[in-house]
N, C-alpha and C. Protein backbone atom coordinates (compact mmCIF):
# COMPACT_ATOMS: atom_id res chain seq x y z
N MET A 1 87.63 66.88 144.54
CA MET A 1 87.62 68.17 144.49
C MET A 1 86.95 68.73 143.16
N ASP A 2 86.05 69.57 143.06
CA ASP A 2 85.54 69.87 141.76
C ASP A 2 85.61 71.51 141.64
N LEU A 3 86.13 71.74 140.46
CA LEU A 3 86.32 73.11 140.00
C LEU A 3 85.75 73.30 138.31
N GLU A 4 85.15 74.67 138.60
CA GLU A 4 84.61 75.06 137.30
C GLU A 4 85.21 76.52 136.96
N PHE A 5 85.65 76.75 135.53
CA PHE A 5 86.09 78.06 135.24
C PHE A 5 85.92 78.08 133.84
N ALA A 6 85.89 79.26 133.19
CA ALA A 6 86.16 79.57 131.80
C ALA A 6 87.66 80.23 131.42
N GLY A 7 88.05 79.95 130.23
CA GLY A 7 89.01 80.26 129.73
C GLY A 7 89.23 80.13 128.36
N GLU A 8 90.18 80.61 127.73
CA GLU A 8 90.53 80.53 126.15
C GLU A 8 91.28 79.71 125.70
N ILE A 9 91.08 79.06 124.58
CA ILE A 9 91.89 77.98 124.04
C ILE A 9 92.94 78.58 123.38
N TRP A 10 94.21 78.04 123.52
CA TRP A 10 95.42 78.39 123.13
C TRP A 10 96.38 77.46 122.41
N PHE A 11 97.17 77.63 121.55
CA PHE A 11 97.92 76.83 120.67
C PHE A 11 99.39 76.84 121.28
N TRP A 12 100.20 75.60 121.47
CA TRP A 12 101.52 75.58 121.63
C TRP A 12 102.00 74.87 120.78
N LYS A 13 103.03 75.61 119.76
CA LYS A 13 103.64 74.87 118.55
C LYS A 13 104.83 73.84 118.77
N GLY A 14 105.26 73.93 120.21
CA GLY A 14 106.39 73.24 120.43
C GLY A 14 106.76 71.76 119.46
N PRO A 15 107.70 70.93 119.86
CA PRO A 15 107.93 69.84 119.33
C PRO A 15 106.65 68.81 119.10
N SER A 16 105.85 68.99 120.09
CA SER A 16 104.52 68.08 120.22
C SER A 16 103.29 69.00 120.39
N PRO A 17 103.07 69.42 119.16
CA PRO A 17 101.83 70.85 119.29
C PRO A 17 100.65 70.07 119.93
N TYR A 18 100.07 71.15 120.76
CA TYR A 18 98.85 70.69 121.57
C TYR A 18 98.08 72.08 121.62
N HIS A 19 96.89 71.77 122.18
CA HIS A 19 95.98 72.97 122.62
C HIS A 19 95.53 72.96 123.77
N PHE A 20 95.68 74.16 124.61
CA PHE A 20 95.39 74.19 126.08
C PHE A 20 94.37 75.28 126.37
N VAL A 21 94.02 75.33 127.73
CA VAL A 21 93.16 76.39 128.47
C VAL A 21 93.77 76.46 129.66
N SER A 22 94.31 77.50 130.19
CA SER A 22 94.95 77.91 131.38
C SER A 22 93.96 77.87 132.54
N VAL A 23 94.59 77.26 133.61
CA VAL A 23 93.62 77.36 134.72
C VAL A 23 93.70 78.75 135.59
N PRO A 24 92.70 79.55 135.84
CA PRO A 24 92.93 80.92 136.71
C PRO A 24 93.68 80.66 137.79
N GLU A 25 94.17 81.62 138.11
CA GLU A 25 95.14 81.72 139.34
C GLU A 25 94.45 81.28 140.81
N ASP A 26 93.16 81.65 141.05
CA ASP A 26 92.40 81.36 142.03
C ASP A 26 92.29 79.60 142.25
N GLU A 27 92.04 79.17 141.12
CA GLU A 27 91.85 77.70 141.04
C GLU A 27 93.23 76.90 141.15
N CYS A 28 94.24 77.73 140.79
CA CYS A 28 95.53 76.86 140.64
C CYS A 28 95.93 76.94 142.29
N VAL A 29 95.64 77.80 142.99
CA VAL A 29 95.80 77.73 144.47
C VAL A 29 95.12 76.49 145.03
N GLU A 30 93.97 76.31 144.81
CA GLU A 30 93.29 75.07 145.26
C GLU A 30 93.96 73.86 144.83
N LEU A 31 94.28 73.84 143.49
CA LEU A 31 94.90 72.63 143.19
C LEU A 31 96.31 72.49 143.68
N GLU A 32 97.15 73.59 143.97
CA GLU A 32 98.32 73.15 144.58
C GLU A 32 98.30 72.63 146.02
N GLU A 33 97.16 72.89 146.82
CA GLU A 33 96.87 71.96 148.17
C GLU A 33 96.63 70.50 147.87
N ALA A 34 96.04 70.30 146.54
CA ALA A 34 95.68 68.72 146.43
C ALA A 34 96.72 68.12 145.69
N ALA A 35 97.76 68.97 145.11
CA ALA A 35 98.65 68.35 144.29
C ALA A 35 99.55 67.28 144.98
N ALA A 36 99.97 67.56 146.14
CA ALA A 36 100.84 66.62 147.15
C ALA A 36 100.18 65.45 147.33
N LEU A 37 98.73 65.29 147.23
CA LEU A 37 98.27 63.91 147.38
C LEU A 37 97.75 63.40 146.30
N VAL A 38 97.95 63.87 144.98
CA VAL A 38 97.60 63.21 143.81
C VAL A 38 98.62 63.11 142.61
N SER A 39 99.50 64.05 142.91
CA SER A 39 100.57 64.23 141.69
C SER A 39 101.49 62.98 141.45
N TYR A 40 101.55 62.60 140.31
CA TYR A 40 102.43 61.53 140.09
C TYR A 40 103.74 61.57 139.54
N GLY A 41 104.35 62.79 139.62
CA GLY A 41 105.41 63.22 139.09
C GLY A 41 105.50 64.50 138.08
N TRP A 42 106.47 65.28 138.20
CA TRP A 42 106.70 66.39 137.35
C TRP A 42 105.70 67.30 137.73
N GLY A 43 104.96 67.16 138.77
CA GLY A 43 103.72 68.11 139.15
C GLY A 43 102.39 67.99 138.23
N MET A 44 102.54 66.81 137.75
CA MET A 44 101.22 66.44 136.80
C MET A 44 100.21 66.17 137.63
N ILE A 45 98.80 66.51 137.50
CA ILE A 45 97.74 66.20 138.30
C ILE A 45 96.63 65.50 137.58
N PRO A 46 96.42 64.32 137.87
CA PRO A 46 95.22 63.40 137.10
C PRO A 46 93.91 64.11 137.31
N VAL A 47 93.10 64.33 136.34
CA VAL A 47 91.85 65.08 136.40
C VAL A 47 90.75 64.18 135.45
N ALA A 48 89.47 64.37 135.76
CA ALA A 48 88.56 64.13 134.82
C ALA A 48 87.98 65.30 134.55
N VAL A 49 87.96 65.70 133.05
CA VAL A 49 87.59 67.01 132.54
C VAL A 49 86.29 66.98 131.60
N ARG A 50 85.44 68.08 131.67
CA ARG A 50 84.52 68.02 130.73
C ARG A 50 84.37 69.44 130.27
N VAL A 51 84.29 69.46 128.97
CA VAL A 51 83.94 70.76 128.11
C VAL A 51 82.79 70.56 127.27
N GLY A 52 81.69 71.27 127.48
CA GLY A 52 80.50 70.95 126.80
C GLY A 52 79.78 69.70 127.20
N GLY A 53 79.40 68.73 126.12
CA GLY A 53 78.92 67.46 126.47
C GLY A 53 79.92 66.59 126.44
N THR A 54 81.30 66.72 126.18
CA THR A 54 82.30 65.78 126.05
C THR A 54 83.19 65.65 127.39
N GLY A 55 83.56 64.58 127.89
CA GLY A 55 84.34 64.35 129.02
C GLY A 55 85.44 63.47 128.61
N TRP A 56 86.71 63.63 129.58
CA TRP A 56 87.64 62.77 129.20
C TRP A 56 88.50 62.82 130.49
N THR A 57 89.49 61.96 130.47
CA THR A 57 90.67 62.13 131.44
C THR A 57 91.78 62.45 131.05
N THR A 58 92.63 63.25 131.71
CA THR A 58 94.05 63.73 131.30
C THR A 58 94.76 64.18 132.60
N SER A 59 95.79 64.78 132.40
CA SER A 59 96.56 65.39 133.33
C SER A 59 96.74 66.92 133.39
N LEU A 60 96.70 67.54 134.19
CA LEU A 60 96.94 69.23 134.35
C LEU A 60 98.42 69.18 134.06
N TRP A 61 98.78 69.87 133.40
CA TRP A 61 100.36 70.29 133.25
C TRP A 61 100.89 71.58 133.92
N PRO A 62 101.97 71.33 134.77
CA PRO A 62 102.26 72.56 135.48
C PRO A 62 102.97 73.48 134.37
N LYS A 63 102.63 75.03 134.40
CA LYS A 63 103.23 75.82 133.45
C LYS A 63 103.24 77.28 134.09
N ASP A 64 104.40 77.83 134.01
CA ASP A 64 104.63 79.16 134.68
C ASP A 64 103.96 79.54 136.07
N GLY A 65 104.03 78.56 136.93
CA GLY A 65 103.62 78.63 138.24
C GLY A 65 102.24 78.40 138.45
N GLY A 66 101.60 77.87 137.26
CA GLY A 66 100.03 77.42 137.16
C GLY A 66 99.79 76.10 136.67
N TYR A 67 98.65 76.03 136.15
CA TYR A 67 98.52 74.59 135.53
C TYR A 67 97.70 75.00 134.25
N VAL A 68 97.73 73.95 133.16
CA VAL A 68 97.20 74.13 131.94
C VAL A 68 96.38 72.92 131.55
N VAL A 69 95.49 72.99 131.06
CA VAL A 69 94.47 71.68 130.69
C VAL A 69 94.70 71.32 129.28
N PRO A 70 95.12 70.30 128.78
CA PRO A 70 95.39 70.04 127.39
C PRO A 70 94.03 69.56 126.93
N LEU A 71 93.80 69.78 125.75
CA LEU A 71 92.72 69.66 124.90
C LEU A 71 92.74 68.56 123.96
N LYS A 72 92.34 67.54 123.85
CA LYS A 72 92.73 66.56 122.67
C LYS A 72 92.00 67.20 121.27
N ASP A 73 92.51 66.52 120.38
CA ASP A 73 91.93 67.04 118.98
C ASP A 73 90.46 66.66 118.91
N ALA A 74 90.20 65.22 119.58
CA ALA A 74 88.93 64.70 119.37
C ALA A 74 88.00 65.31 120.08
N VAL A 75 88.21 66.11 121.31
CA VAL A 75 87.70 66.91 122.10
C VAL A 75 87.06 67.98 121.19
N ARG A 76 88.21 68.86 120.72
CA ARG A 76 87.81 69.96 119.93
C ARG A 76 87.07 69.78 118.85
N ARG A 77 87.17 68.68 118.10
CA ARG A 77 86.41 68.21 116.98
C ARG A 77 85.00 67.97 117.29
N ALA A 78 84.83 67.10 118.40
CA ALA A 78 83.41 66.80 119.03
C ALA A 78 82.35 68.33 119.23
N GLU A 79 83.48 69.20 119.75
CA GLU A 79 82.53 70.61 120.57
C GLU A 79 82.79 71.75 119.50
N GLN A 80 83.46 71.56 118.24
CA GLN A 80 83.76 72.49 117.11
C GLN A 80 84.40 73.72 118.05
N LEU A 81 85.38 73.32 118.40
CA LEU A 81 86.30 74.76 118.98
C LEU A 81 87.48 74.83 118.37
N ASP A 82 88.22 76.09 118.50
CA ASP A 82 89.15 76.41 117.85
C ASP A 82 89.99 77.36 118.87
N VAL A 83 91.30 77.65 118.34
CA VAL A 83 92.08 78.54 119.30
C VAL A 83 91.29 79.95 119.24
N GLY A 84 91.38 80.57 120.43
CA GLY A 84 90.68 81.70 120.78
C GLY A 84 89.16 81.54 121.19
N ASP A 85 88.54 80.23 120.95
CA ASP A 85 87.25 80.16 121.59
C ASP A 85 87.30 80.21 123.11
N ARG A 86 86.25 80.48 123.90
CA ARG A 86 86.21 80.63 125.35
C ARG A 86 85.47 79.52 125.50
N VAL A 87 85.82 78.63 126.52
CA VAL A 87 85.14 77.47 126.93
C VAL A 87 84.93 77.53 128.71
N THR A 88 83.98 76.73 128.78
CA THR A 88 83.77 76.62 130.41
C THR A 88 84.36 75.03 130.61
N VAL A 89 85.25 74.94 131.61
CA VAL A 89 85.89 73.79 131.71
C VAL A 89 85.46 73.27 133.22
N ARG A 90 85.08 72.02 133.42
CA ARG A 90 84.79 71.51 134.60
C ARG A 90 86.00 70.28 135.16
N LEU A 91 86.46 70.56 136.05
CA LEU A 91 87.68 69.63 136.44
C LEU A 91 86.96 68.63 137.71
N ARG A 92 87.60 67.49 137.73
CA ARG A 92 87.26 66.85 138.95
C ARG A 92 88.61 66.08 139.42
N VAL A 93 89.17 66.43 140.44
CA VAL A 93 90.35 65.78 141.12
C VAL A 93 90.11 64.98 142.14
N ASP A 94 90.25 63.57 142.19
CA ASP A 94 89.83 62.59 143.22
C ASP A 94 91.03 62.66 144.41
N VAL A 95 90.79 63.45 145.44
CA VAL A 95 91.54 63.45 146.56
C VAL A 95 91.09 62.46 147.83
């Protein structure tokens, strides 16, 4: 399953600070259908992600009935991205 969407980068200051992009509702519906086949616990979904010219593997995190894509600092530095920037995210879920 391949998905593409745009979203704004936001920061979560919690005990382990991280940057995220929220997956839009329509794409979350598609992900829910695949989750039972690929999730490895706590609703995490392993994915391959691409933002700009940078690709990496990670897992989508469930949040507030949807999912968020964690953005590593190395990705943000490579793509010169910061909080509030709007990015196009390409996801691949192997089902």
